[in-house]
Every structure is written in structure tokens, then in C-alpha cells.
Amino acid sequence: MIIEGVKLMVIGMAIVYVFLIVLMFSVMLSARLFKDSGAGASAGPVTPVKSRRNVTPVIAAAVKAYRTKRAGDSSS
């Protein structure tokens, strides 16, 4: 009974191992096949990243409002 379980375990692990090897080779093959296909994808104009300077006052106001609310809740 134990021997049959060990056989089943070994067969299952071998199947998973073979599947992972096949998957690895298929990913490597597709990487080689499609290596140059994405070269012209970013030909459009690049938009500048928005400045984060405008976020600081908003965060400060939110923290102040939170602390004011917490101070009001704790005194109740």
C-alpha cells in the first residue's frame, strides 16, 4: 500500500517536473521569437510626469483634518 503511494508520488512529481521544463523552454523560445516585435511600440510622444509639489498641501490638510477629528472623538 505504501509502495503504491510512493510510486504515485514519484510519477506525479515527474509529470510536474517535465511540464515545468516544457514551459520553461516554450517561454525561452517565445522570447527569442518576439524579441524584436516590440521595438517600434513606443514611437509616440512621451507625456511628462505631473509634478508632485501640488500634492503636499493636500496631504497636510488631510492630516490636519484627521488629527482634529481624532482629538474631537477622544474627548467624547
PDB file of N, CA and C in Angstrom:
ATOM      1  N   MET A   1       0.834  -1.186   0.000  1.00  0.00           N
ATOM      2  CA  MET A   1       0.000   0.000   0.000  1.00  0.00           C
ATOM      3  C   MET A   1       0.885   1.259   0.000  1.00  0.00           C
ATOM      4  N   ILE A   2       1.913   1.285   0.837  1.00  0.00           N
ATOM      5  CA  ILE A   2       2.806   2.443   0.905  1.00  0.00           C
ATOM      6  C   ILE A   2       3.609   2.551  -0.390  1.00  0.00           C
ATOM      7  N   ILE A   3       4.023   1.420  -0.923  1.00  0.00           N
ATOM      8  CA  ILE A   3       4.806   1.426  -2.161  1.00  0.00           C
ATOM      9  C   ILE A   3       4.001   2.027  -3.306  1.00  0.00           C
ATOM     10  N   GLU A   4       2.717   1.734  -3.363  1.00  0.00           N
ATOM     11  CA  GLU A   4       1.864   2.295  -4.414  1.00  0.00           C
ATOM     12  C   GLU A   4       1.745   3.810  -4.259  1.00  0.00           C
ATOM     13  N   GLY A   5       1.664   4.276  -3.028  1.00  0.00           N
ATOM     14  CA  GLY A   5       1.607   5.718  -2.785  1.00  0.00           C
ATOM     15  C   GLY A   5       2.888   6.409  -3.189  1.00  0.00           C
ATOM     16  N   VAL A   6       4.023   5.758  -2.891  1.00  0.00           N
ATOM     17  CA  VAL A   6       5.312   6.335  -3.272  1.00  0.00           C
ATOM     18  C   VAL A   6       5.449   6.366  -4.795  1.00  0.00           C
ATOM     19  N   LYS A   7       5.007   5.299  -5.468  1.00  0.00           N
ATOM     20  CA  LYS A   7       5.042   5.270  -6.933  1.00  0.00           C
ATOM     21  C   LYS A   7       4.193   6.394  -7.516  1.00  0.00           C
ATOM     22  N   LEU A   8       3.011   6.574  -6.973  1.00  0.00           N
ATOM     23  CA  LEU A   8       2.118   7.627  -7.448  1.00  0.00           C
ATOM     24  C   LEU A   8       2.739   9.008  -7.219  1.00  0.00           C
ATOM     25  N   MET A   9       3.390   9.173  -6.072  1.00  0.00           N
ATOM     26  CA  MET A   9       4.028  10.453  -5.771  1.00  0.00           C
ATOM     27  C   MET A   9       5.165  10.727  -6.756  1.00  0.00           C
ATOM     28  N   VAL A  10       5.989   9.727  -7.021  1.00  0.00           N
ATOM     29  CA  VAL A  10       7.111   9.902  -7.938  1.00  0.00           C
ATOM     30  C   VAL A  10       6.611  10.188  -9.351  1.00  0.00           C
ATOM     31  N   ILE A  11       5.591   9.486  -9.788  1.00  0.00           N
ATOM     32  CA  ILE A  11       5.033   9.726 -11.124  1.00  0.00           C
ATOM     33  C   ILE A  11       4.455  11.140 -11.213  1.00  0.00           C
ATOM     34  N   GLY A  12       3.743  11.559 -10.187  1.00  0.00           N
ATOM     35  CA  GLY A  12       3.162  12.899 -10.188  1.00  0.00           C
ATOM     36  C   GLY A  12       4.220  13.981 -10.198  1.00  0.00           C
ATOM     37  N   MET A  13       5.266  13.803  -9.392  1.00  0.00           N
ATOM     38  CA  MET A  13       6.339  14.798  -9.361  1.00  0.00           C
ATOM     39  C   MET A  13       7.092  14.822 -10.689  1.00  0.00           C
ATOM     40  N   ALA A  14       7.275  13.662 -11.321  1.00  0.00           N
ATOM     41  CA  ALA A  14       7.950  13.615 -12.617  1.00  0.00           C
ATOM     42  C   ALA A  14       7.128  14.331 -13.676  1.00  0.00           C
ATOM     43  N   ILE A  15       5.815  14.152 -13.656  1.00  0.00           N
ATOM     44  CA  ILE A  15       4.954  14.835 -14.625  1.00  0.00           C
ATOM     45  C   ILE A  15       5.032  16.349 -14.439  1.00  0.00           C
ATOM     46  N   VAL A  16       5.002  16.801 -13.196  1.00  0.00           N
ATOM     47  CA  VAL A  16       5.095  18.243 -12.927  1.00  0.00           C
ATOM     48  C   VAL A  16       6.454  18.768 -13.372  1.00  0.00           C
ATOM     49  N   TYR A  17       7.519  18.040 -13.098  1.00  0.00           N
ATOM     50  CA  TYR A  17       8.863  18.456 -13.472  1.00  0.00           C
ATOM     51  C   TYR A  17       8.985  18.566 -14.992  1.00  0.00           C
ATOM     52  N   VAL A  18       8.488  17.580 -15.711  1.00  0.00           N
ATOM     53  CA  VAL A  18       8.530  17.611 -17.174  1.00  0.00           C
ATOM     54  C   VAL A  18       7.702  18.768 -17.703  1.00  0.00           C
ATOM     55  N   PHE A  19       6.536  19.012 -17.118  1.00  0.00           N
ATOM     56  CA  PHE A  19       5.701  20.135 -17.545  1.00  0.00           C
ATOM     57  C   PHE A  19       6.424  21.458 -17.333  1.00  0.00           C
ATOM     58  N   LEU A  20       7.106  21.614 -16.201  1.00  0.00           N
ATOM     59  CA  LEU A  20       7.824  22.861 -15.942  1.00  0.00           C
ATOM     60  C   LEU A  20       8.982  23.050 -16.908  1.00  0.00           C
ATOM     61  N   ILE A  21       9.659  21.970 -17.275  1.00  0.00           N
ATOM     62  CA  ILE A  21      10.739  22.073 -18.250  1.00  0.00           C
ATOM     63  C   ILE A  21      10.189  22.483 -19.611  1.00  0.00           C
ATOM     64  N   VAL A  22       9.086  21.873 -20.031  1.00  0.00           N
ATOM     65  CA  VAL A  22       8.469  22.242 -21.304  1.00  0.00           C
ATOM     66  C   VAL A  22       8.016  23.701 -21.271  1.00  0.00           C
ATOM     67  N   LEU A  23       7.448  24.126 -20.174  1.00  0.00           N
ATOM     68  CA  LEU A  23       7.011  25.516 -20.033  1.00  0.00           C
ATOM     69  C   LEU A  23       8.202  26.469 -20.107  1.00  0.00           C
ATOM     70  N   MET A  24       9.300  26.122 -19.454  1.00  0.00           N
ATOM     71  CA  MET A  24      10.490  26.966 -19.471  1.00  0.00           C
ATOM     72  C   MET A  24      11.031  27.111 -20.891  1.00  0.00           C
ATOM     73  N   PHE A  25      11.123  25.998 -21.627  1.00  0.00           N
ATOM     74  CA  PHE A  25      11.625  26.073 -22.987  1.00  0.00           C
ATOM     75  C   PHE A  25      10.669  26.829 -23.908  1.00  0.00           C
ATOM     76  N   SER A  26       9.385  26.706 -23.693  1.00  0.00           N
ATOM     77  CA  SER A  26       8.436  27.443 -24.534  1.00  0.00           C
ATOM     78  C   SER A  26       8.506  28.941 -24.268  1.00  0.00           C
ATOM     79  N   VAL A  27       8.735  29.332 -23.034  1.00  0.00           N
ATOM     80  CA  VAL A  27       8.882  30.761 -22.719  1.00  0.00           C
ATOM     81  C   VAL A  27      10.171  31.296 -23.326  1.00  0.00           C
ATOM     82  N   MET A  28      11.242  30.531 -23.233  1.00  0.00           N
ATOM     83  CA  MET A  28      12.509  30.971 -23.825  1.00  0.00           C
ATOM     84  C   MET A  28      12.393  31.077 -25.351  1.00  0.00           C
ATOM     85  N   LEU A  29      11.702  30.131 -25.967  1.00  0.00           N
ATOM     86  CA  LEU A  29      11.515  30.165 -27.419  1.00  0.00           C
ATOM     87  C   LEU A  29      10.668  31.360 -27.837  1.00  0.00           C
ATOM     88  N   SER A  30       9.595  31.618 -27.115  1.00  0.00           N
ATOM     89  CA  SER A  30       8.750  32.765 -27.469  1.00  0.00           C
ATOM     90  C   SER A  30       9.488  34.080 -27.233  1.00  0.00           C
ATOM     91  N   ALA A  31      10.364  34.139 -26.230  1.00  0.00           N
ATOM     92  CA  ALA A  31      11.155  35.348 -26.005  1.00  0.00           C
ATOM     93  C   ALA A  31      12.091  35.602 -27.179  1.00  0.00           C
ATOM     94  N   ARG A  32      12.665  34.539 -27.711  1.00  0.00           N
ATOM     95  CA  ARG A  32      13.551  34.710 -28.869  1.00  0.00           C
ATOM     96  C   ARG A  32      12.774  35.075 -30.121  1.00  0.00           C
ATOM     97  N   LEU A  33      11.606  34.492 -30.291  1.00  0.00           N
ATOM     98  CA  LEU A  33      10.813  34.770 -31.496  1.00  0.00           C
ATOM     99  C   LEU A  33      10.278  36.195 -31.514  1.00  0.00           C
ATOM    100  N   PHE A  34       9.849  36.696 -30.362  1.00  0.00           N
ATOM    101  CA  PHE A  34       9.203  38.003 -30.301  1.00  0.00           C
ATOM    102  C   PHE A  34      10.103  39.082 -29.726  1.00  0.00           C
ATOM    103  N   LYS A  35      11.415  38.874 -29.764  1.00  0.00           N
ATOM    104  CA  LYS A  35      12.348  39.830 -29.174  1.00  0.00           C
ATOM    105  C   LYS A  35      12.284  41.187 -29.865  1.00  0.00           C
ATOM    106  N   ASP A  36      12.207  41.215 -31.184  1.00  0.00           N
ATOM    107  CA  ASP A  36      12.232  42.467 -31.930  1.00  0.00           C
ATOM    108  C   ASP A  36      10.852  43.003 -32.254  1.00  0.00           C
ATOM    109  N   SER A  37       9.787  42.326 -31.893  1.00  0.00           N
ATOM    110  CA  SER A  37       8.457  42.775 -32.284  1.00  0.00           C
ATOM    111  C   SER A  37       8.004  44.008 -31.519  1.00  0.00           C
ATOM    112  N   GLY A  38       8.511  44.285 -30.338  1.00  0.00           N
ATOM    113  CA  GLY A  38       8.093  45.439 -29.545  1.00  0.00           C
ATOM    114  C   GLY A  38       8.996  46.635 -29.709  1.00  0.00           C
ATOM    115  N   ALA A  39       9.894  46.638 -30.676  1.00  0.00           N
ATOM    116  CA  ALA A  39      10.866  47.727 -30.828  1.00  0.00           C
ATOM    117  C   ALA A  39      10.194  49.034 -31.238  1.00  0.00           C
ATOM    118  N   GLY A  40       9.178  49.007 -32.093  1.00  0.00           N
ATOM    119  CA  GLY A  40       8.540  50.228 -32.569  1.00  0.00           C
ATOM    120  C   GLY A  40       7.282  50.589 -31.814  1.00  0.00           C
ATOM    121  N   ALA A  41       7.011  49.956 -30.714  1.00  0.00           N
ATOM    122  CA  ALA A  41       5.758  50.177 -29.993  1.00  0.00           C
ATOM    123  C   ALA A  41       5.731  51.526 -29.292  1.00  0.00           C
ATOM    124  N   SER A  42       6.870  52.050 -28.867  1.00  0.00           N
ATOM    125  CA  SER A  42       6.887  53.304 -28.113  1.00  0.00           C
ATOM    126  C   SER A  42       7.325  54.475 -28.994  1.00  0.00           C
ATOM    127  N   ALA A  43       6.847  54.546 -30.212  1.00  0.00           N
ATOM    128  CA  ALA A  43       7.237  55.600 -31.132  1.00  0.00           C
ATOM    129  C   ALA A  43       6.455  56.892 -30.904  1.00  0.00           C
ATOM    130  N   GLY A  44       5.373  56.857 -30.134  1.00  0.00           N
ATOM    131  CA  GLY A  44       4.549  58.035 -29.907  1.00  0.00           C
ATOM    132  C   GLY A  44       5.205  59.030 -28.961  1.00  0.00           C
ATOM    133  N   PRO A  45       4.635  60.233 -28.861  1.00  0.00           N
ATOM    134  CA  PRO A  45       5.209  61.239 -27.963  1.00  0.00           C
ATOM    135  C   PRO A  45       5.043  60.835 -26.498  1.00  0.00           C
ATOM    136  N   VAL A  46       6.030  61.188 -25.714  1.00  0.00           N
ATOM    137  CA  VAL A  46       6.021  60.850 -24.296  1.00  0.00           C
ATOM    138  C   VAL A  46       5.437  62.024 -23.523  1.00  0.00           C
ATOM    139  N   THR A  47       4.441  61.776 -22.694  1.00  0.00           N
ATOM    140  CA  THR A  47       3.842  62.842 -21.899  1.00  0.00           C
ATOM    141  C   THR A  47       4.647  63.027 -20.622  1.00  0.00           C
ATOM    142  N   PRO A  48       4.861  64.262 -20.198  1.00  0.00           N
ATOM    143  CA  PRO A  48       5.641  64.493 -18.982  1.00  0.00           C
ATOM    144  C   PRO A  48       4.886  64.036 -17.742  1.00  0.00           C
ATOM    145  N   VAL A  49       5.636  63.652 -16.736  1.00  0.00           N
ATOM    146  CA  VAL A  49       5.054  63.214 -15.472  1.00  0.00           C
ATOM    147  C   VAL A  49       4.620  64.446 -14.694  1.00  0.00           C
ATOM    148  N   LYS A  50       3.430  64.406 -14.106  1.00  0.00           N
ATOM    149  CA  LYS A  50       2.936  65.546 -13.342  1.00  0.00           C
ATOM    150  C   LYS A  50       3.789  65.757 -12.097  1.00  0.00           C
ATOM    151  N   SER A  51       3.910  67.010 -11.703  1.00  0.00           N
ATOM    152  CA  SER A  51       4.689  67.362 -10.524  1.00  0.00           C
ATOM    153  C   SER A  51       3.946  66.947  -9.264  1.00  0.00           C
ATOM    154  N   ARG A  52       4.683  66.514  -8.282  1.00  0.00           N
ATOM    155  CA  ARG A  52       4.072  66.111  -7.019  1.00  0.00           C
ATOM    156  C   ARG A  52       4.064  67.242  -5.996  1.00  0.00           C
ATOM    157  N   ARG A  53       4.499  68.421  -6.408  1.00  0.00           N
ATOM    158  CA  ARG A  53       4.521  69.554  -5.478  1.00  0.00           C
ATOM    159  C   ARG A  53       3.114  69.963  -5.048  1.00  0.00           C
ATOM    160  N   ASN A  54       2.137  69.778  -5.918  1.00  0.00           N
ATOM    161  CA  ASN A  54       0.767  70.173  -5.603  1.00  0.00           C
ATOM    162  C   ASN A  54       0.107  69.220  -4.620  1.00  0.00           C
ATOM    163  N   VAL A  55       0.696  68.057  -4.394  1.00  0.00           N
ATOM    164  CA  VAL A  55       0.098  67.063  -3.521  1.00  0.00           C
ATOM    165  C   VAL A  55       0.403  67.361  -2.051  1.00  0.00           C
ATOM    166  N   THR A  56       1.520  67.982  -1.772  1.00  0.00           N
ATOM    167  CA  THR A  56       1.942  68.218  -0.389  1.00  0.00           C
ATOM    168  C   THR A  56       0.926  69.019   0.422  1.00  0.00           C
ATOM    169  N   PRO A  57       0.382  70.139  -0.062  1.00  0.00           N
ATOM    170  CA  PRO A  57      -0.620  70.852   0.730  1.00  0.00           C
ATOM    171  C   PRO A  57      -1.891  70.038   0.970  1.00  0.00           C
ATOM    172  N   VAL A  58      -2.251  69.228   0.008  1.00  0.00           N
ATOM    173  CA  VAL A  58      -3.448  68.396   0.151  1.00  0.00           C
ATOM    174  C   VAL A  58      -3.236  67.365   1.252  1.00  0.00           C
ATOM    175  N   ILE A  59      -2.064  66.741   1.264  1.00  0.00           N
ATOM    176  CA  ILE A  59      -1.758  65.749   2.304  1.00  0.00           C
ATOM    177  C   ILE A  59      -1.712  66.416   3.668  1.00  0.00           C
ATOM    178  N   ALA A  60      -1.109  67.601   3.749  1.00  0.00           N
ATOM    179  CA  ALA A  60      -1.034  68.314   5.022  1.00  0.00           C
ATOM    180  C   ALA A  60      -2.425  68.655   5.548  1.00  0.00           C
ATOM    181  N   ALA A  61      -3.319  69.084   4.657  1.00  0.00           N
ATOM    182  CA  ALA A  61      -4.685  69.418   5.071  1.00  0.00           C
ATOM    183  C   ALA A  61      -5.424  68.165   5.529  1.00  0.00           C
ATOM    184  N   ALA A  62      -5.202  67.044   4.857  1.00  0.00           N
ATOM    185  CA  ALA A  62      -5.866  65.804   5.246  1.00  0.00           C
ATOM    186  C   ALA A  62      -5.384  65.328   6.613  1.00  0.00           C
ATOM    187  N   VAL A  63      -4.081  65.440   6.860  1.00  0.00           N
ATOM    188  CA  VAL A  63      -3.536  65.035   8.163  1.00  0.00           C
ATOM    189  C   VAL A  63      -4.086  65.929   9.261  1.00  0.00           C
ATOM    190  N   LYS A  64      -4.163  67.234   8.993  1.00  0.00           N
ATOM    191  CA  LYS A  64      -4.694  68.174   9.989  1.00  0.00           C
ATOM    192  C   LYS A  64      -6.159  67.861  10.291  1.00  0.00           C
ATOM    193  N   ALA A  65      -6.955  67.581   9.244  1.00  0.00           N
ATOM    194  CA  ALA A  65      -8.359  67.258   9.453  1.00  0.00           C
ATOM    195  C   ALA A  65      -8.506  65.953  10.232  1.00  0.00           C
ATOM    196  N   TYR A  66      -7.664  64.974   9.934  1.00  0.00           N
ATOM    197  CA  TYR A  66      -7.714  63.691  10.656  1.00  0.00           C
ATOM    198  C   TYR A  66      -7.381  63.892  12.124  1.00  0.00           C
ATOM    199  N   ARG A  67      -6.317  64.658  12.392  1.00  0.00           N
ATOM    200  CA  ARG A  67      -5.924  64.877  13.789  1.00  0.00           C
ATOM    201  C   ARG A  67      -6.977  65.680  14.552  1.00  0.00           C
ATOM    202  N   THR A  68      -7.613  66.638  13.869  1.00  0.00           N
ATOM    203  CA  THR A  68      -8.679  67.415  14.506  1.00  0.00           C
ATOM    204  C   THR A  68      -9.854  66.517  14.835  1.00  0.00           C
ATOM    205  N   LYS A  69     -10.202  65.645  13.914  1.00  0.00           N
ATOM    206  CA  LYS A  69     -11.314  64.728  14.152  1.00  0.00           C
ATOM    207  C   LYS A  69     -10.992  63.759  15.269  1.00  0.00           C
ATOM    208  N   ARG A  70      -9.770  63.230  15.295  1.00  0.00           N
ATOM    209  CA  ARG A  70      -9.368  62.286  16.345  1.00  0.00           C
ATOM    210  C   ARG A  70      -9.354  62.966  17.713  1.00  0.00           C
ATOM    211  N   ALA A  71      -8.950  64.212  17.769  1.00  0.00           N
ATOM    212  CA  ALA A  71      -8.928  64.939  19.042  1.00  0.00           C
ATOM    213  C   ALA A  71     -10.359  65.171  19.531  1.00  0.00           C
ATOM    214  N   GLY A  72     -11.276  65.430  18.609  1.00  0.00           N
ATOM    215  CA  GLY A  72     -12.674  65.625  18.970  1.00  0.00           C
ATOM    216  C   GLY A  72     -13.343  64.333  19.398  1.00  0.00           C
ATOM    217  N   ASP A  73     -12.964  63.193  18.784  1.00  0.00           N
ATOM    218  CA  ASP A  73     -13.541  61.908  19.141  1.00  0.00           C
ATOM    219  C   ASP A  73     -13.061  61.389  20.479  1.00  0.00           C
ATOM    220  N   SER A  74     -11.823  61.661  20.825  1.00  0.00           N
ATOM    221  CA  SER A  74     -11.281  61.113  22.069  1.00  0.00           C
ATOM    222  C   SER A  74     -11.808  61.832  23.298  1.00  0.00           C
ATOM    223  N   SER A  75     -12.253  63.089  23.147  1.00  0.00           N
ATOM    224  CA  SER A  75     -12.761  63.833  24.302  1.00  0.00           C
ATOM    225  C   SER A  75     -14.215  63.466  24.630  1.00  0.00           C
ATOM    226  N   SER A  76     -14.896  62.793  23.729  1.00  0.00           N
ATOM    227  CA  SER A  76     -16.301  62.449  23.941  1.00  0.00           C
ATOM    228  C   SER A  76     -16.491  61.337  24.936  1.00  0.00           C
TER     229      SER A  76
END
